[in-house]
Each structure stands twice: as C-alpha cells, then as structure tokens.
C-alpha atoms as a PDB file:
ATOM      1  CA  MET A   1      54.514  86.033 -70.360  1.00  0.00           C
ATOM      2  CA  ILE A   2      57.496  87.180 -68.012  1.00  0.00           C
ATOM      3  CA  GLU A   3      56.548  90.013 -65.930  1.00  0.00           C
ATOM      4  CA  PRO A   4      58.884  93.268 -66.087  1.00  0.00           C
ATOM      5  CA  PRO A   5      60.798  94.125 -62.960  1.00  0.00           C
ATOM      6  CA  ALA A   6      58.820  95.928 -60.305  1.00  0.00           C
ATOM      7  CA  SER A   7      58.999  99.686 -60.394  1.00  0.00           C
ATOM      8  CA  VAL A   8      62.252 101.066 -60.185  1.00  0.00           C
ATOM      9  CA  ASN A   9      63.330 104.669 -59.874  1.00  0.00           C
ATOM     10  CA  HIS A  10      66.515 106.319 -61.332  1.00  0.00           C
ATOM     11  CA  ILE A  11      68.322 109.139 -60.382  1.00  0.00           C
ATOM     12  CA  PHE A  12      71.859 110.234 -60.818  1.00  0.00           C
ATOM     13  CA  GLY A  13      72.881 106.801 -62.221  1.00  0.00           C
ATOM     14  CA  TYR A  14      71.505 105.031 -59.103  1.00  0.00           C
ATOM     15  CA  ASP A  15      68.314 102.513 -59.203  1.00  0.00           C
ATOM     16  CA  PHE A  16      66.126 102.831 -55.925  1.00  0.00           C
ATOM     17  CA  SER A  17      62.769 101.286 -54.919  1.00  0.00           C
ATOM     18  CA  ASN A  18      60.875  99.453 -51.962  1.00  0.00           C
ATOM     19  CA  PHE A  19      63.294  96.913 -51.176  1.00  0.00           C
ATOM     20  CA  THR A  20      60.939  94.104 -50.507  1.00  0.00           C
ATOM     21  CA  ALA A  21      60.063  93.544 -54.032  1.00  0.00           C
ATOM     22  CA  PHE A  22      63.764  92.850 -54.809  1.00  0.00           C
ATOM     23  CA  ILE A  23      64.789  90.299 -52.203  1.00  0.00           C
ATOM     24  CA  THR A  24      65.864  86.849 -53.578  1.00  0.00           C
ATOM     25  CA  PRO A  25      65.401  83.586 -52.362  1.00  0.00           C
ATOM     26  CA  VAL A  26      68.195  82.751 -49.709  1.00  0.00           C
ATOM     27  CA  ASP A  27      70.889  80.722 -51.145  1.00  0.00           C
ATOM     28  CA  GLU A  28      73.578  81.242 -48.554  1.00  0.00           C
ATOM     29  CA  PHE A  29      73.977  81.567 -44.555  1.00  0.00           C
ATOM     30  CA  ASP A  30      75.794  83.580 -42.392  1.00  0.00           C
ATOM     31  CA  SER A  31      78.577  81.496 -40.859  1.00  0.00           C
ATOM     32  CA  ILE A  32      78.596  83.067 -37.610  1.00  0.00           C
ATOM     33  CA  SER A  33      74.801  83.318 -36.720  1.00  0.00           C
ATOM     34  CA  SER A  34      73.827  80.304 -38.917  1.00  0.00           C
ATOM     35  CA  TYR A  35      70.926  82.248 -40.214  1.00  0.00           C
ATOM     36  CA  PRO A  36      69.724  82.853 -43.801  1.00  0.00           C
ATOM     37  CA  ARG A  37      71.354  85.968 -45.500  1.00  0.00           C
ATOM     38  CA  TYR A  38      69.539  87.911 -48.179  1.00  0.00           C
ATOM     39  CA  GLN A  39      70.434  89.454 -51.609  1.00  0.00           C
ATOM     40  CA  ILE A  40      68.810  92.335 -53.323  1.00  0.00           C
ATOM     41  CA  ASP A  41      68.652  92.032 -56.991  1.00  0.00           C
ATOM     42  CA  MET A  42      67.178  95.272 -58.678  1.00  0.00           C
ATOM     43  CA  LYS A  43      66.298  93.273 -61.768  1.00  0.00           C
ATOM     44  CA  LEU A  44      64.261  90.809 -60.382  1.00  0.00           C
ATOM     45  CA  VAL A  45      61.083  90.106 -62.023  1.00  0.00           C
ATOM     46  CA  SER A  46      57.788  91.044 -60.401  1.00  0.00           C
ATOM     47  CA  GLY A  47      56.474  88.490 -58.391  1.00  0.00           C
ATOM     48  CA  GLN A  48      59.716  86.549 -57.727  1.00  0.00           C
ATOM     49  CA  SER A  49      60.775  88.131 -54.363  1.00  0.00           C
ATOM     50  CA  ILE A  50      61.205  85.921 -51.348  1.00  0.00           C
ATOM     51  CA  PHE A  51      58.043  87.242 -50.010  1.00  0.00           C
ATOM     52  CA  ASP A  52      56.093  86.164 -53.077  1.00  0.00           C
ATOM     53  CA  HIS A  53      57.694  82.554 -52.493  1.00  0.00           C
ATOM     54  CA  MET A  54      56.908  82.724 -48.914  1.00  0.00           C
ATOM     55  CA  ASN A  55      53.399  83.875 -49.582  1.00  0.00           C
ATOM     56  CA  VAL A  56      53.545  86.569 -46.809  1.00  0.00           C
ATOM     57  CA  SER A  57      54.124  90.319 -46.809  1.00  0.00           C
ATOM     58  CA  TYR A  58      57.140  91.889 -45.581  1.00  0.00           C
ATOM     59  CA  ASP A  59      55.102  93.778 -42.651  1.00  0.00           C
ATOM     60  CA  THR A  60      53.090  90.657 -41.722  1.00  0.00           C
ATOM     61  CA  MET A  61      56.670  88.749 -41.460  1.00  0.00           C
ATOM     62  CA  ARG A  62      58.448  91.420 -39.679  1.00  0.00           C
ATOM     63  CA  SER A  63      55.678  91.867 -37.080  1.00  0.00           C
ATOM     64  CA  ASP A  64      55.475  88.082 -36.088  1.00  0.00           C
ATOM     65  CA  LYS A  65      56.838  87.070 -32.974  1.00  0.00           C
ATOM     66  CA  ASN A  66      58.772  84.193 -34.846  1.00  0.00           C
ATOM     67  CA  PRO A  67      59.471  85.492 -38.305  1.00  0.00           C
ATOM     68  CA  VAL A  68      62.040  82.742 -39.193  1.00  0.00           C
ATOM     69  CA  ARG A  69      59.490  80.326 -39.397  1.00  0.00           C
ATOM     70  CA  TYR A  70      58.314  81.679 -42.782  1.00  0.00           C
ATOM     71  CA  VAL A  71      61.604  80.964 -44.170  1.00  0.00           C
ATOM     72  CA  ARG A  72      61.707  77.594 -42.533  1.00  0.00           C
ATOM     73  CA  ASN A  73      58.631  76.623 -43.893  1.00  0.00           C
ATOM     74  CA  PHE A  74      59.402  77.579 -47.532  1.00  0.00           C
ATOM     75  CA  TYR A  75      62.586  76.002 -47.505  1.00  0.00           C
ATOM     76  CA  LYS A  76      61.092  72.590 -46.075  1.00  0.00           C
ATOM     77  CA  SER A  77      58.682  72.589 -48.629  1.00  0.00           C
ATOM     78  CA  GLN A  78      61.514  72.626 -51.258  1.00  0.00           C
ATOM     79  CA  MET A  79      63.701  69.769 -49.711  1.00  0.00           C
ATOM     80  CA  SER A  80      64.275  66.305 -51.129  1.00  0.00           C
ATOM     81  CA  GLU A  81      63.559  63.167 -49.283  1.00  0.00           C
ATOM     82  CA  GLY A  82      66.525  62.951 -46.770  1.00  0.00           C
ATOM     83  CA  ASP A  83      67.276  66.551 -46.523  1.00  0.00           C
ATOM     84  CA  ALA A  84      67.439  68.644 -43.590  1.00  0.00           C
ATOM     85  CA  LEU A  85      67.716  72.214 -42.392  1.00  0.00           C
ATOM     86  CA  TRP A  86      70.847  72.823 -40.331  1.00  0.00           C
ATOM     87  CA  TRP A  87      69.988  75.722 -38.742  1.00  0.00           C
ATOM     88  CA  ILE A  88      68.142  76.219 -35.366  1.00  0.00           C
ATOM     89  CA  ASP A  89      64.467  75.195 -35.154  1.00  0.00           C
ATOM     90  CA  ASP A  90      62.011  78.020 -34.554  1.00  0.00           C
ATOM     91  CA  GLY A  91      61.824  78.457 -30.769  1.00  0.00           C
ATOM     92  CA  ASP A  92      61.834  74.763 -30.026  1.00  0.00           C
ATOM     93  CA  ASP A  93      63.196  74.309 -27.001  1.00  0.00           C
ATOM     94  CA  SER A  94      63.404  70.600 -27.176  1.00  0.00           C
ATOM     95  CA  VAL A  95      66.041  71.191 -29.907  1.00  0.00           C
ATOM     96  CA  PRO A  96      69.574  71.622 -28.532  1.00  0.00           C
ATOM     97  CA  GLU A  97      71.590  74.704 -29.487  1.00  0.00           C
ATOM     98  CA  LEU A  98      74.270  73.363 -32.115  1.00  0.00           C
ATOM     99  CA  SER A  99      77.791  73.492 -31.088  1.00  0.00           C
ATOM    100  CA  PRO A 100      80.204  75.226 -33.493  1.00  0.00           C
ATOM    101  CA  VAL A 101      82.272  71.898 -33.105  1.00  0.00           C
ATOM    102  CA  ILE A 102      81.273  69.137 -35.433  1.00  0.00           C
ATOM    103  CA  ARG A 103      81.565  65.922 -33.179  1.00  0.00           C
ATOM    104  CA  ASN A 104      81.941  62.416 -34.374  1.00  0.00           C
ATOM    105  CA  TYR A 105      79.217  59.876 -33.232  1.00  0.00           C
ATOM    106  CA  SER A 106      81.891  57.383 -31.680  1.00  0.00           C
ATOM    107  CA  SER A 107      83.248  60.035 -29.467  1.00  0.00           C
ATOM    108  CA  LEU A 108      80.284  60.670 -27.652  1.00  0.00           C
ATOM    109  CA  ASP A 109      79.475  59.499 -24.272  1.00  0.00           C
ATOM    110  CA  SER A 110      77.140  56.426 -23.981  1.00  0.00           C
ATOM    111  CA  GLY A 111      74.375  58.017 -22.254  1.00  0.00           C
ATOM    112  CA  THR A 112      74.110  60.611 -25.199  1.00  0.00           C
ATOM    113  CA  ARG A 113      74.604  57.929 -27.859  1.00  0.00           C
ATOM    114  CA  ASP A 114      71.688  56.173 -26.494  1.00  0.00           C
ATOM    115  CA  GLY A 115      69.255  59.208 -26.461  1.00  0.00           C
ATOM    116  CA  ILE A 116      70.306  59.832 -29.979  1.00  0.00           C
ATOM    117  CA  LYS A 117      69.344  56.240 -30.779  1.00  0.00           C
ATOM    118  CA  ALA A 118      66.123  56.465 -28.735  1.00  0.00           C
ATOM    119  CA  GLU A 119      65.344  59.661 -30.981  1.00  0.00           C
ATOM    120  CA  LEU A 120      66.145  57.728 -33.990  1.00  0.00           C
ATOM    121  CA  PHE A 121      63.789  54.855 -33.555  1.00  0.00           C
ATOM    122  CA  ILE A 122      61.188  57.088 -32.842  1.00  0.00           C
ATOM    123  CA  LEU A 123      61.455  59.661 -35.689  1.00  0.00           C
ATOM    124  CA  HIS A 124      62.782  57.114 -38.417  1.00  0.00           C
ATOM    125  CA  PRO A 125      61.299  54.047 -37.501  1.00  0.00           C
ATOM    126  CA  GLU A 126      62.060  52.952 -41.083  1.00  0.00           C
ATOM    127  CA  ILE A 127      65.301  51.829 -40.029  1.00  0.00           C
ATOM    128  CA  LEU A 128      63.299  48.687 -38.594  1.00  0.00           C
ATOM    129  CA  SER A 129      62.689  47.588 -42.236  1.00  0.00           C
ATOM    130  CA  ASN A 130      64.759  45.563 -44.556  1.00  0.00           C
ATOM    131  CA  SER A 131      64.774  48.328 -47.045  1.00  0.00           C
ATOM    132  CA  SER A 132      68.260  48.796 -48.543  1.00  0.00           C
ATOM    133  CA  ASN A 133      67.722  52.871 -48.274  1.00  0.00           C
ATOM    134  CA  LYS A 134      66.628  52.645 -44.723  1.00  0.00           C
ATOM    135  CA  TYR A 135      69.197  54.782 -42.917  1.00  0.00           C
ATOM    136  CA  LYS A 136      69.434  57.394 -45.896  1.00  0.00           C
ATOM    137  CA  ASN A 137      67.359  59.935 -43.564  1.00  0.00           C
ATOM    138  CA  VAL A 138      69.987  59.525 -40.757  1.00  0.00           C
ATOM    139  CA  PRO A 139      72.855  61.270 -41.687  1.00  0.00           C
ATOM    140  CA  ALA A 140      70.964  64.509 -42.430  1.00  0.00           C
ATOM    141  CA  TYR A 141      69.058  64.399 -39.111  1.00  0.00           C
ATOM    142  CA  LEU A 142      72.244  63.802 -37.066  1.00  0.00           C
ATOM    143  CA  ALA A 143      73.985  66.867 -38.597  1.00  0.00           C
ATOM    144  CA  SER A 144      71.193  69.001 -38.620  1.00  0.00           C
ATOM    145  CA  ARG A 145      69.806  68.488 -35.041  1.00  0.00           C
ATOM    146  CA  TYR A 146      73.007  67.384 -32.945  1.00  0.00           C
ATOM    147  CA  GLY A 147      75.855  68.562 -35.019  1.00  0.00           C
ATOM    148  CA  VAL A 148      77.023  64.946 -35.378  1.00  0.00           C
ATOM    149  CA  VAL A 149      78.516  62.948 -38.069  1.00  0.00           C
ATOM    150  CA  CYS A 150      78.686  59.047 -38.318  1.00  0.00           C
ATOM    151  CA  ALA A 151      81.173  57.275 -40.831  1.00  0.00           C
ATOM    152  CA  ASN A 152      78.786  54.159 -40.635  1.00  0.00           C
ATOM    153  CA  VAL A 153      75.214  54.652 -39.511  1.00  0.00           C
ATOM    154  CA  ARG A 154      74.521  50.741 -39.820  1.00  0.00           C
ATOM    155  CA  ASP A 155      77.318  49.913 -37.404  1.00  0.00           C
ATOM    156  CA  ILE A 156      75.582  51.746 -34.647  1.00  0.00           C
ATOM    157  CA  PHE A 157      72.553  49.557 -34.737  1.00  0.00           C
ATOM    158  CA  THR A 158      73.677  46.275 -36.170  1.00  0.00           C
ATOM    159  CA  ALA A 159      77.071  45.553 -34.405  1.00  0.00           C
ATOM    160  CA  GLY A 160      76.916  42.170 -33.086  1.00  0.00           C
ATOM    161  CA  GLY A 161      74.818  40.589 -36.109  1.00  0.00           C
ATOM    162  CA  GLN A 162      71.533  38.852 -34.336  1.00  0.00           C
ATOM    163  CA  VAL A 163      70.057  38.495 -31.003  1.00  0.00           C
ATOM    164  CA  ILE A 164      67.999  35.625 -29.284  1.00  0.00           C
ATOM    165  CA  LEU A 165      64.396  36.556 -28.332  1.00  0.00           C
ATOM    166  CA  GLN A 166      61.443  34.710 -27.246  1.00  0.00           C
ATOM    167  CA  ASN A 167      57.840  35.015 -28.585  1.00  0.00           C
ATOM    168  CA  VAL A 168      54.539  35.200 -26.757  1.00  0.00           C
ATOM    169  CA  ASP A 169      54.663  31.167 -26.353  1.00  0.00           C
ATOM    170  CA  GLY A 170      58.200  31.437 -24.991  1.00  0.00           C
ATOM    171  CA  ALA A 171      59.700  29.838 -28.030  1.00  0.00           C
ATOM    172  CA  GLU A 172      63.244  31.258 -29.104  1.00  0.00           C
ATOM    173  CA  PHE A 173      63.914  33.069 -32.452  1.00  0.00           C
ATOM    174  CA  ARG A 174      66.679  34.874 -33.935  1.00  0.00           C
ATOM    175  CA  ALA A 175      66.193  38.529 -34.795  1.00  0.00           C
ATOM    176  CA  PRO A 176      68.627  41.164 -36.204  1.00  0.00           C
ATOM    177  CA  GLN A 177      70.852  43.341 -33.639  1.00  0.00           C
ATOM    178  CA  ILE A 178      68.747  46.256 -34.321  1.00  0.00           C
ATOM    179  CA  VAL A 179      65.760  44.913 -32.815  1.00  0.00           C
ATOM    180  CA  GLY A 180      67.831  43.838 -29.888  1.00  0.00           C
ATOM    181  CA  GLU A 181      68.868  47.838 -29.395  1.00  0.00           C
ATOM    182  CA  LEU A 182      65.330  48.861 -29.748  1.00  0.00           C
ATOM    183  CA  LEU A 183      64.094  46.463 -26.727  1.00  0.00           C
ATOM    184  CA  ARG A 184      67.366  47.848 -24.654  1.00  0.00           C
ATOM    185  CA  LEU A 185      66.329  51.066 -25.415  1.00  0.00           C
ATOM    186  CA  ALA A 186      62.774  50.755 -24.752  1.00  0.00           C
ATOM    187  CA  PRO A 187      62.207  52.368 -21.275  1.00  0.00           C
ATOM    188  CA  LEU A 188      64.015  55.411 -22.596  1.00  0.00           C
ATOM    189  CA  ILE A 189      62.006  55.592 -25.894  1.00  0.00           C
ATOM    190  CA  ASP A 190      58.840  55.131 -23.788  1.00  0.00           C
ATOM    191  CA  ILE A 191      59.666  58.224 -21.879  1.00  0.00           C
ATOM    192  CA  LYS A 192      60.774  60.213 -25.043  1.00  0.00           C
ATOM    193  CA  ILE A 193      57.746  59.024 -27.304  1.00  0.00           C
ATOM    194  CA  LEU A 194      55.374  60.799 -24.682  1.00  0.00           C
ATOM    195  CA  GLN A 195      56.862  64.176 -25.640  1.00  0.00           C
ATOM    196  CA  LYS A 196      56.136  64.065 -29.198  1.00  0.00           C
ATOM    197  CA  THR A 197      53.009  65.705 -30.838  1.00  0.00           C
ATOM    198  CA  ALA A 198      51.241  64.253 -33.811  1.00  0.00           C
ATOM    199  CA  VAL A 199      52.608  66.988 -35.903  1.00  0.00           C
ATOM    200  CA  GLU A 200      56.356  66.344 -35.207  1.00  0.00           C
ATOM    201  CA  LEU A 201      55.632  62.683 -35.849  1.00  0.00           C
ATOM    202  CA  SER A 202      53.783  63.386 -38.986  1.00  0.00           C
ATOM    203  CA  ASN A 203      56.750  65.697 -40.405  1.00  0.00           C
ATOM    204  CA  SER A 204      59.338  62.982 -39.637  1.00  0.00           C
ATOM    205  CA  TRP A 205      57.203  60.251 -40.929  1.00  0.00           C
ATOM    206  CA  GLY A 206      56.232  61.729 -44.086  1.00  0.00           C
ATOM    207  CA  HIS A 207      52.621  61.051 -43.979  1.00  0.00           C
ATOM    208  CA  HIS A 208      49.550  62.453 -42.095  1.00  0.00           C
ATOM    209  CA  VAL A 209      49.164  60.655 -38.732  1.00  0.00           C
ATOM    210  CA  ASN A 210      45.590  60.729 -36.609  1.00  0.00           C
ATOM    211  CA  ASP A 211      46.277  63.008 -33.817  1.00  0.00           C
ATOM    212  CA  SER A 212      43.070  61.190 -32.028  1.00  0.00           C
ATOM    213  CA  GLN A 213      45.623  58.534 -30.908  1.00  0.00           C
ATOM    214  CA  SER A 214      48.464  58.809 -28.446  1.00  0.00           C
ATOM    215  CA  SER A 215      51.869  59.407 -29.870  1.00  0.00           C
ATOM    216  CA  LYS A 216      52.651  56.079 -28.356  1.00  0.00           C
ATOM    217  CA  GLU A 217      49.847  54.154 -30.074  1.00  0.00           C
ATOM    218  CA  LEU A 218      51.060  55.888 -33.504  1.00  0.00           C
ATOM    219  CA  TRP A 219      54.559  54.805 -32.979  1.00  0.00           C
ATOM    220  CA  LEU A 220      53.649  51.387 -32.251  1.00  0.00           C
ATOM    221  CA  SER A 221      51.397  51.036 -35.330  1.00  0.00           C
ATOM    222  CA  GLU A 222      54.532  52.371 -37.402  1.00  0.00           C
ATOM    223  CA  ILE A 223      57.091  50.273 -36.123  1.00  0.00           C
ATOM    224  CA  ASP A 224      54.888  47.169 -36.578  1.00  0.00           C
ATOM    225  CA  ARG A 225      54.425  48.501 -40.325  1.00  0.00           C
ATOM    226  CA  HIS A 226      58.129  48.763 -41.042  1.00  0.00           C
ATOM    227  CA  SER A 227      59.316  45.644 -39.353  1.00  0.00           C
ATOM    228  CA  SER A 228      56.569  43.310 -41.105  1.00  0.00           C
ATOM    229  CA  THR A 229      59.390  42.795 -43.551  1.00  0.00           C
ATOM    230  CA  LEU A 230      61.893  41.375 -41.094  1.00  0.00           C
ATOM    231  CA  GLY A 231      59.850  38.202 -40.868  1.00  0.00           C
ATOM    232  CA  LEU A 232      59.966  38.047 -36.901  1.00  0.00           C
ATOM    233  CA  ASP A 233      58.316  35.437 -34.971  1.00  0.00           C
ATOM    234  CA  ALA A 234      56.700  38.064 -33.006  1.00  0.00           C
ATOM    235  CA  ARG A 235      54.879  41.525 -33.312  1.00  0.00           C
ATOM    236  CA  ILE A 236      57.698  43.839 -32.707  1.00  0.00           C
ATOM    237  CA  SER A 237      55.273  46.187 -30.555  1.00  0.00           C
ATOM    238  CA  ASP A 238      54.380  43.126 -28.390  1.00  0.00           C
ATOM    239  CA  LEU A 239      58.107  42.580 -27.774  1.00  0.00           C
ATOM    240  CA  TYR A 240      58.529  46.432 -27.018  1.00  0.00           C
ATOM    241  CA  GLU A 241      55.835  46.363 -24.541  1.00  0.00           C
ATOM    242  CA  ARG A 242      56.936  43.357 -22.852  1.00  0.00           C
ATOM    243  CA  ALA A 243      60.443  44.908 -22.502  1.00  0.00           C
ATOM    244  CA  VAL A 244      59.134  48.061 -20.995  1.00  0.00           C
ATOM    245  CA  GLY A 245      57.002  46.140 -18.740  1.00  0.00           C
ATOM    246  CA  SER A 246      59.954  43.668 -17.498  1.00  0.00           C
ATOM    247  CA  ILE A 247      61.664  46.837 -16.295  1.00  0.00           C
ATOM    248  CA  ALA A 248      58.631  48.689 -14.922  1.00  0.00           C
ATOM    249  CA  GLY A 249      58.024  45.357 -12.920  1.00  0.00           C
END
C-alpha cells in the first residue's frame, strides 16, 4: 500500500509544510560548485524523502561537520561497477581539487602521468590480469579523481608490446609491457602504497581486506592474484620487490 503524502497544509491556494519531508533524491548538480542540487516535491509520498533514503534526519545531517558524506555514501551505494562520483571527496586532502578544464592524458607532463599510473596500479590491480574488461573502471576513475580523459587506456600501459625479464633463477622470459611499466614505477608505487588505508583499498578493490596486514602486503597479494592469469615465469610480487630493491641498493 502506497503511503499518502506527508502532512501538507493549504492556505490561500498555497501548500506549505516542513520542507524536509518533501526533498527528493538528488538528480542534478550545480554546474559552478559541483555539489548536488535538491528539489522539493509537495506530492512526495511519506518515507521517500532524500533523508529517508539516506537513513539520517535533517537535524543530524545539518549538525554534522561533514554533511556531504551522507549524500556521497548514499549515491556510492547506488552505483554500478565502473561508476564513480565526480564531485569532490569529503575532506580528503589526498584528493586533488578538480580543475574546471578537462585535460587529455596525453597532454600531461611525464611526472603527472607516472603518478596517475602508479595510483592505477594500486587502486585497480585488475589491470594486471588478462581479462577483456580489466580497464573498464579506469575511465571513470580518471575523470572523477583527476578531471582527465584518455582516448585509449590500454595504450598507456601496453605500448611497446612485450618486455624481457628474468625470473629468480636468472632465466629470461617474455612478459606483457604492462608488467614492465609496473616494475619501472615500483619505487613510486612503494611510496604511495604506504599512504593507503585498508578502507580505501577495500572500497577500490570491491571486497573486504584484512586490516591486520600492511597496505603493501595486501596489495602484493592482490597483484599476485590478478596476474596469475598471465602465465608469467615468476610471481609478480617477487619481480616487484626485486625492482624496488635494485633501486634502493
């Protein structure tokens, strides 16, 4: 049974009531501030306001030091795989403020490109698999986190075809170029991975992670799991650690 609209008073041809019961879920965003807009629907049925959907009262939300997090968490729960919220993260100083100008990945300087690729290796380790869909989450991440678009994500990792590597016994073997890129960026990744929390990794990877382990241990297990489909002659985590050690040495 559909509940009737929340209590509405009528006077002189106008409807009025407590506005919090009639605010609808956000369906558009302010083009200047990039924050959500809200609409009021005086015919909204009881229990269907944005606050009902977010399971928080208006008073609780307005008193919170970070009220936007309730909206973000609600819309994150509604997203499909590969989607991302493009408006600013809640007080996360590690997230760069987006420029109003959309940039092409190819126009970025090499240091910026390497920094982005290092983040992609950490937060989207599935790109090290042989899945045909392994890059599907990358475009949304680039746009929402950096305001960057890339015409062909695959090319930024695979240009050059294959690389020659050595296993622990010194025997040479061929590996996809993306593995070579991982090893080239290993020192940078090793710095960035220590800045990640188990919660951030869990959100990015789409499954719960054991927060009793270090972020690096968690990530090494994750890249071994995904790269197991590549048929390499060595564990990718061993190759990575050797690459880091060779720079440190």
